[in-house]
Amino acid sequence: MKKVAIGVDIGGTNTAIGIVDEAGNVMVKDNITTPSHGDIDRYISDLAIAIQELIKSVKLLNSELEILGIGIGAPNGNYYSGTIEYAPNLSFRGVVHLVKLLRAHFPEMQALALTNDANAAAIGEMIYGGAKDMKNFVMFTLGTGVGSGIVVNGDLVYGHDGFAGECGHTTLIPGGRLCGCTALGHLEAYCSASGMKRTAFEIMVQDNATDSLLADKSFNELDSKMIYEAAQKGDKVALEVFEKTGAWLGQGLADTVHHLSPEAVFLFGGPTAAGDYIFKPTKESMEKHLLPIFQDKIKILPSQLKPGDAAIVGASALVWKELNK
């Protein structure tokens, strides 16, 4: 009998749901709106119905399926307690006992577990992606923010309270840019996709770069893909954005390497589609900031998870990890 797992990715706007096989292929998927009404019971009911409908549809494709469990990735997801705690981009306030509430709808599932989205990506890389044969690695997710998942000796590091691995909130520049968490100078404020936008606008103001291909874009309109496309055309502002972002990110990765001595660091997210524009300066900066004992040992690799399905696949990988403890 073919074994599959359900992955759920809870985002600020949408919740993506998919059923994933052992090879990491998404067999069926759907999404529902992550509501703004703040009623967790109503949301859990909607989510359970969507999952049940997806199970029905996949069994039409193959009736001989064993659904092992549900893995959930969510902002501020606590693996130990199965709770989402004070997530700033969700309407559900305080501590939400998500696993307990969802378990009431699916008592038959062998595994039902929750973690944060960056940890889910790290587990996905370990189960399905480029870290299959690695015991020590770190995943950095570059998006609206900078998340990270740390794997040591084959296990994800959760720490004492379930929230370990916030490498994006290490201080890069004391007293620097305002981070989304309200602190100053964090890595996230410089190396996230939104941080790259801020860098582009700072350069254009500083250099009066009215001839840049990015000069006619509003802050809300600009994204990392536009910066990449401008860099491909030789735009000086865009090229400098990647140089600066890589320099900052490499410095942050060096700190992580000094703490953990991983075999590799994986990068995932929109900005990584720029390839060498981001990887080359990041690698150079990391090597520059490393102690000699670590130099030329640590690989920086692109995630091998498929971008469109990575969040679902990563969440589903939590099920396999739970059952193979």
Protein backbone atom coordinates (compact mmCIF):
# COMPACT_ATOMS: atom_id res chain seq x y z
CA MET A 1 0.00 0.00 0.00
CA LYS A 2 1.38 3.43 -1.00
CA LYS A 3 2.07 5.70 1.95
CA VAL A 4 1.46 9.44 1.80
CA ALA A 5 1.51 12.44 4.13
CA ILE A 6 -0.50 15.65 4.26
CA GLY A 7 1.32 18.98 4.35
CA VAL A 8 -0.30 22.22 5.51
CA ASP A 9 1.40 25.60 5.20
CA ILE A 10 -0.33 28.41 7.10
CA GLY A 11 0.56 31.81 5.70
CA GLY A 12 -0.72 35.25 6.52
CA THR A 13 -3.05 35.33 3.51
CA ASN A 14 -3.51 31.74 2.34
CA THR A 15 -3.27 28.24 3.76
CA ALA A 16 -1.88 25.70 1.27
CA ILE A 17 -2.70 22.01 1.65
CA GLY A 18 -1.31 19.05 -0.27
CA ILE A 19 -0.93 15.29 -0.17
CA VAL A 20 2.65 14.21 -0.78
CA ASP A 21 4.13 10.79 -1.58
CA GLU A 22 7.37 9.33 -0.20
CA ALA A 23 9.39 10.81 -3.09
CA GLY A 24 8.19 14.35 -2.32
CA ASN A 25 5.74 14.57 -5.21
CA VAL A 26 2.55 16.53 -4.55
CA MET A 27 -0.32 14.34 -5.71
CA VAL A 28 -3.16 16.83 -5.10
CA LYS A 29 -3.27 20.27 -3.55
CA ASP A 30 -5.65 23.08 -2.67
CA ASN A 31 -5.71 26.24 -0.63
CA ILE A 32 -8.09 28.15 1.57
CA THR A 33 -7.99 31.72 2.80
CA THR A 34 -6.23 32.31 6.09
CA PRO A 35 -8.96 34.45 7.62
CA SER A 36 -8.79 37.89 9.12
CA HIS A 37 -11.77 37.25 11.43
CA GLY A 38 -9.66 35.75 14.25
CA ASP A 39 -12.10 32.91 15.00
CA ILE A 40 -9.82 29.88 15.41
CA ASP A 41 -12.65 27.34 15.79
CA ARG A 42 -14.19 28.48 12.52
CA TYR A 43 -10.82 28.33 10.78
CA ILE A 44 -10.07 24.81 12.10
CA SER A 45 -13.47 23.65 10.85
CA ASP A 46 -12.77 25.11 7.39
CA LEU A 47 -9.30 23.57 7.35
CA ALA A 48 -10.57 20.14 8.39
CA ILE A 49 -13.22 20.19 5.64
CA ALA A 50 -10.60 21.15 3.05
CA ILE A 51 -8.30 18.33 4.19
CA GLN A 52 -11.14 15.81 4.11
CA GLU A 53 -12.09 16.89 0.58
CA LEU A 54 -8.48 16.52 -0.52
CA ILE A 55 -8.33 13.01 0.95
CA LYS A 56 -11.48 12.09 -1.02
CA SER A 57 -10.01 13.43 -4.25
CA VAL A 58 -6.67 11.63 -3.89
CA LYS A 59 -8.42 8.35 -3.13
CA LEU A 60 -10.26 8.66 -6.43
CA LEU A 61 -6.82 8.59 -8.05
CA ASN A 62 -5.62 5.68 -5.93
CA SER A 63 -7.86 3.93 -3.43
CA GLU A 64 -4.92 1.93 -2.03
CA LEU A 65 -3.36 4.78 -0.08
CA GLU A 66 -2.34 4.91 3.57
CA ILE A 67 -2.42 8.47 4.89
CA LEU A 68 0.04 8.54 7.76
CA GLY A 69 -0.47 11.97 9.20
CA ILE A 70 -0.53 15.74 8.91
CA GLY A 71 2.47 18.04 9.15
CA ILE A 72 1.90 21.77 9.59
CA GLY A 73 4.23 24.69 9.01
CA ALA A 74 3.17 28.01 10.53
CA PRO A 75 4.69 31.26 11.76
CA ASN A 76 5.70 31.00 15.43
CA GLY A 77 4.78 27.31 15.41
CA ASN A 78 6.00 25.51 18.53
CA TYR A 79 6.82 21.85 17.92
CA TYR A 80 6.83 20.90 21.60
CA SER A 81 3.41 22.27 22.49
CA GLY A 82 1.67 22.09 19.10
CA THR A 83 0.79 25.74 19.41
CA ILE A 84 1.07 28.91 17.34
CA GLU A 85 2.21 31.63 19.70
CA TYR A 86 1.72 35.35 19.14
CA ALA A 87 2.14 35.19 15.35
CA PRO A 88 2.23 38.82 14.18
CA ASN A 89 0.84 38.15 10.70
CA LEU A 90 -2.12 35.97 11.75
CA SER A 91 -5.47 37.17 13.09
CA PHE A 92 -5.47 34.51 15.84
CA ARG A 93 -4.16 36.26 18.93
CA GLY A 94 -2.14 34.84 21.80
CA VAL A 95 -1.47 31.10 22.06
CA VAL A 96 -3.48 28.87 19.70
CA HIS A 97 -3.56 25.12 20.44
CA LEU A 98 -3.64 24.16 16.78
CA VAL A 99 -2.59 20.50 16.97
CA LYS A 100 -5.07 19.73 19.76
CA LEU A 101 -7.91 21.41 17.85
CA LEU A 102 -7.10 19.69 14.54
CA ARG A 103 -6.52 16.31 16.22
CA ALA A 104 -10.19 16.32 17.27
CA HIS A 105 -11.11 16.11 13.58
CA PHE A 106 -8.49 13.47 12.69
CA PRO A 107 -8.07 11.10 15.66
CA GLU A 108 -7.02 8.27 13.32
CA MET A 109 -3.83 9.95 12.11
CA GLN A 110 -0.60 8.28 13.26
CA ALA A 111 1.21 11.62 13.34
CA LEU A 112 0.03 15.20 13.65
CA ALA A 113 2.76 17.75 14.26
CA LEU A 114 3.47 21.45 13.91
CA THR A 115 6.63 23.51 13.50
CA ASN A 116 7.53 26.89 12.09
CA ASP A 117 7.83 27.33 8.35
CA ALA A 118 11.64 27.57 8.23
CA ASN A 119 12.00 24.39 10.29
CA ALA A 120 9.56 22.68 7.94
CA ALA A 121 11.75 23.72 5.00
CA ALA A 122 14.81 22.25 6.73
CA ILE A 123 13.03 18.94 7.37
CA GLY A 124 11.82 18.94 3.76
CA GLU A 125 15.41 19.37 2.55
CA MET A 126 16.50 16.49 4.78
CA ILE A 127 13.73 14.10 3.73
CA TYR A 128 13.26 15.00 0.06
CA GLY A 129 16.00 17.41 -1.04
CA GLY A 130 19.72 18.07 -1.13
CA ALA A 131 20.38 17.22 2.52
CA LYS A 132 19.26 13.57 2.32
CA ASP A 133 22.68 12.27 3.32
CA MET A 134 23.60 15.08 5.71
CA LYS A 135 23.45 15.05 9.50
CA ASN A 136 24.55 18.66 10.10
CA PHE A 137 23.26 21.55 8.02
CA VAL A 138 21.38 24.83 8.25
CA MET A 139 18.54 26.08 6.06
CA PHE A 140 18.07 29.82 5.53
CA THR A 141 14.78 30.95 4.00
CA LEU A 142 14.89 34.36 2.33
CA GLY A 143 11.48 35.90 1.80
CA THR A 144 9.47 38.59 3.55
CA GLY A 145 11.79 37.81 6.46
CA VAL A 146 14.81 35.59 7.04
CA GLY A 147 14.04 32.27 8.71
CA SER A 148 16.30 29.36 9.54
CA GLY A 149 16.16 25.72 10.53
CA ILE A 150 19.12 24.01 12.19
CA VAL A 151 19.84 20.28 11.94
CA VAL A 152 22.49 18.79 14.25
CA ASN A 153 23.33 15.08 14.27
CA GLY A 154 20.27 14.40 12.12
CA ASP A 155 17.76 16.14 14.38
CA LEU A 156 16.16 19.54 14.12
CA VAL A 157 17.23 21.84 16.94
CA TYR A 158 14.22 23.19 18.85
CA GLY A 159 15.97 24.33 22.02
CA HIS A 160 14.50 24.53 25.51
CA ASP A 161 11.15 26.10 24.57
CA GLY A 162 10.66 25.11 20.91
CA PHE A 163 11.78 28.37 19.31
CA ALA A 164 15.49 27.79 18.62
CA GLY A 165 16.96 28.76 15.26
CA GLU A 166 16.06 32.42 14.78
CA CYS A 167 19.29 33.20 12.94
CA GLY A 168 17.56 35.97 10.97
CA HIS A 169 17.28 37.94 14.20
CA THR A 170 20.97 38.00 15.02
CA THR A 171 22.34 41.54 15.12
CA LEU A 172 24.26 42.36 11.97
CA ILE A 173 24.65 46.13 12.42
CA PRO A 174 24.07 47.49 15.94
CA GLY A 175 21.59 50.37 15.82
CA GLY A 176 20.93 49.68 12.14
CA ARG A 177 17.71 49.32 10.19
CA LEU A 178 14.40 48.70 11.91
CA CYS A 179 13.52 45.00 11.70
CA GLY A 180 9.96 43.70 11.41
CA CYS A 181 10.28 42.49 15.01
CA THR A 182 10.89 46.15 16.07
CA ALA A 183 14.55 45.60 17.02
CA LEU A 184 17.38 47.33 15.16
CA GLY A 185 20.04 45.99 12.82
CA HIS A 186 18.96 42.37 12.45
CA LEU A 187 20.11 40.23 9.52
CA GLU A 188 16.49 40.04 8.34
CA ALA A 189 16.34 43.81 7.84
CA TYR A 190 19.14 43.55 5.27
CA CYS A 191 18.94 40.12 3.60
CA SER A 192 15.21 39.47 3.22
CA ALA A 193 13.47 40.31 -0.07
CA SER A 194 12.10 43.44 1.59
CA GLY A 195 15.58 44.27 2.88
CA MET A 196 16.89 44.10 -0.68
CA LYS A 197 14.25 46.64 -1.72
CA ARG A 198 15.36 48.98 1.04
CA THR A 199 18.96 48.61 -0.12
CA ALA A 200 17.98 49.47 -3.70
CA PHE A 201 16.21 52.65 -2.62
CA GLU A 202 19.07 53.67 -0.33
CA ILE A 203 21.55 53.30 -3.22
CA MET A 204 19.35 55.23 -5.64
CA VAL A 205 18.96 58.12 -3.18
CA GLN A 206 22.64 58.14 -2.24
CA ASP A 207 23.88 58.02 -5.86
CA ASN A 208 21.00 60.01 -7.37
CA ALA A 209 20.64 57.08 -9.75
CA THR A 210 17.73 58.40 -11.82
CA ASP A 211 18.93 56.39 -14.82
CA SER A 212 18.56 53.04 -13.03
CA LEU A 213 16.07 50.56 -14.45
CA LEU A 214 14.59 50.46 -10.92
CA ALA A 215 14.16 54.23 -10.56
CA ASP A 216 10.58 54.32 -11.83
CA LYS A 217 9.36 51.58 -9.45
CA SER A 218 7.51 52.37 -6.23
CA PHE A 219 8.63 50.64 -3.05
CA ASN A 220 5.49 48.48 -3.00
CA GLU A 221 5.91 47.58 -6.67
CA LEU A 222 9.58 46.60 -6.55
CA ASP A 223 10.51 42.98 -5.78
CA SER A 224 13.63 40.80 -5.81
CA LYS A 225 12.77 39.39 -9.25
CA MET A 226 12.82 42.91 -10.74
CA ILE A 227 16.18 43.55 -9.11
CA TYR A 228 17.51 40.30 -10.60
CA GLU A 229 16.21 41.14 -14.06
CA ALA A 230 17.80 44.59 -13.86
CA ALA A 231 21.11 43.03 -12.75
CA GLN A 232 21.04 40.75 -15.79
CA LYS A 233 20.85 43.88 -17.94
CA GLY A 234 23.87 45.36 -16.20
CA ASP A 235 22.03 47.88 -14.02
CA LYS A 236 24.58 49.28 -11.54
CA VAL A 237 22.10 49.75 -8.72
CA ALA A 238 20.80 46.19 -9.02
CA LEU A 239 24.31 44.76 -9.16
CA GLU A 240 25.27 46.71 -6.06
CA VAL A 241 22.17 45.44 -4.25
CA PHE A 242 23.35 41.87 -4.76
CA GLU A 243 26.92 42.71 -3.74
CA LYS A 244 25.78 44.36 -0.52
CA THR A 245 23.16 41.70 0.27
CA GLY A 246 25.70 38.93 -0.33
CA ALA A 247 28.26 40.66 1.87
CA TRP A 248 25.77 40.97 4.73
CA LEU A 249 24.39 37.47 4.32
CA GLY A 250 27.88 35.94 4.17
CA GLN A 251 28.76 37.68 7.42
CA GLY A 252 25.63 36.26 9.06
CA LEU A 253 26.33 32.77 7.71
CA ALA A 254 29.88 32.93 9.09
CA ASP A 255 28.45 33.55 12.56
CA THR A 256 26.19 30.51 12.15
CA VAL A 257 29.11 28.36 10.97
CA HIS A 258 31.18 29.38 13.99
CA HIS A 259 28.35 28.27 16.28
CA LEU A 260 27.42 25.01 14.55
CA SER A 261 30.12 23.81 12.11
CA PRO A 262 27.59 22.50 9.55
CA GLU A 263 28.46 20.54 6.44
CA ALA A 264 26.41 22.93 4.33
CA VAL A 265 24.13 25.92 4.39
CA PHE A 266 21.08 25.77 2.10
CA LEU A 267 19.43 28.93 0.81
CA PHE A 268 15.77 28.95 -0.17
CA GLY A 269 13.39 31.66 -1.33
CA GLY A 270 12.75 34.19 -4.08
CA PRO A 271 16.13 35.99 -4.02
CA THR A 272 18.00 32.71 -4.55
CA ALA A 273 16.59 32.50 -8.09
CA ALA A 274 19.28 35.07 -8.95
CA GLY A 275 21.90 32.30 -8.80
CA ASP A 276 25.50 33.53 -8.79
CA TYR A 277 24.41 37.14 -8.38
CA ILE A 278 23.58 36.28 -4.76
CA PHE A 279 25.56 33.07 -4.15
CA LYS A 280 28.97 34.36 -5.29
CA PRO A 281 29.19 37.46 -3.03
CA THR A 282 27.65 35.48 -0.16
CA LYS A 283 30.28 32.75 -0.43
CA GLU A 284 33.13 35.29 -0.72
CA SER A 285 31.91 37.19 2.32
CA MET A 286 31.38 34.07 4.40
CA GLU A 287 34.90 32.83 3.68
CA LYS A 288 36.32 36.26 4.53
CA HIS A 289 34.64 36.22 7.96
CA LEU A 290 35.41 32.61 8.88
CA LEU A 291 38.15 31.37 11.15
CA PRO A 292 40.84 29.50 9.18
CA ILE A 293 39.72 26.15 10.64
CA PHE A 294 36.37 26.55 8.83
CA GLN A 295 37.50 28.11 5.55
CA ASP A 296 36.89 26.21 2.29
CA LYS A 297 34.92 23.50 4.12
CA ILE A 298 31.34 24.76 4.19
CA LYS A 299 29.15 24.51 1.10
CA ILE A 300 26.49 27.10 0.30
CA LEU A 301 23.84 25.33 -1.77
CA PRO A 302 20.49 26.19 -3.33
CA SER A 303 17.54 24.28 -1.93
CA GLN A 304 16.44 21.37 -4.09
CA LEU A 305 12.80 21.70 -3.05
CA LYS A 306 10.49 22.77 -5.86
CA PRO A 307 9.68 26.47 -5.26
CA GLY A 308 5.94 26.21 -5.95
CA ASP A 309 5.35 23.24 -3.65
CA ALA A 310 8.18 23.66 -1.14
CA ALA A 311 6.04 24.85 1.76
CA ILE A 312 3.59 21.94 1.42
CA VAL A 313 6.37 19.40 0.87
CA GLY A 314 8.36 20.71 3.82
CA ALA A 315 5.36 20.51 6.13
CA SER A 316 4.54 16.97 4.97
CA ALA A 317 8.13 15.89 5.69
CA LEU A 318 7.41 16.49 9.37
CA VAL A 319 5.19 13.38 9.29
CA TRP A 320 7.99 11.12 8.03
CA LYS A 321 10.37 12.59 10.59
CA GLU A 322 7.86 11.94 13.38
CA LEU A 323 7.33 8.32 12.38
CA ASN A 324 11.05 7.60 11.99
CA LYS A 325 12.18 8.89 15.39
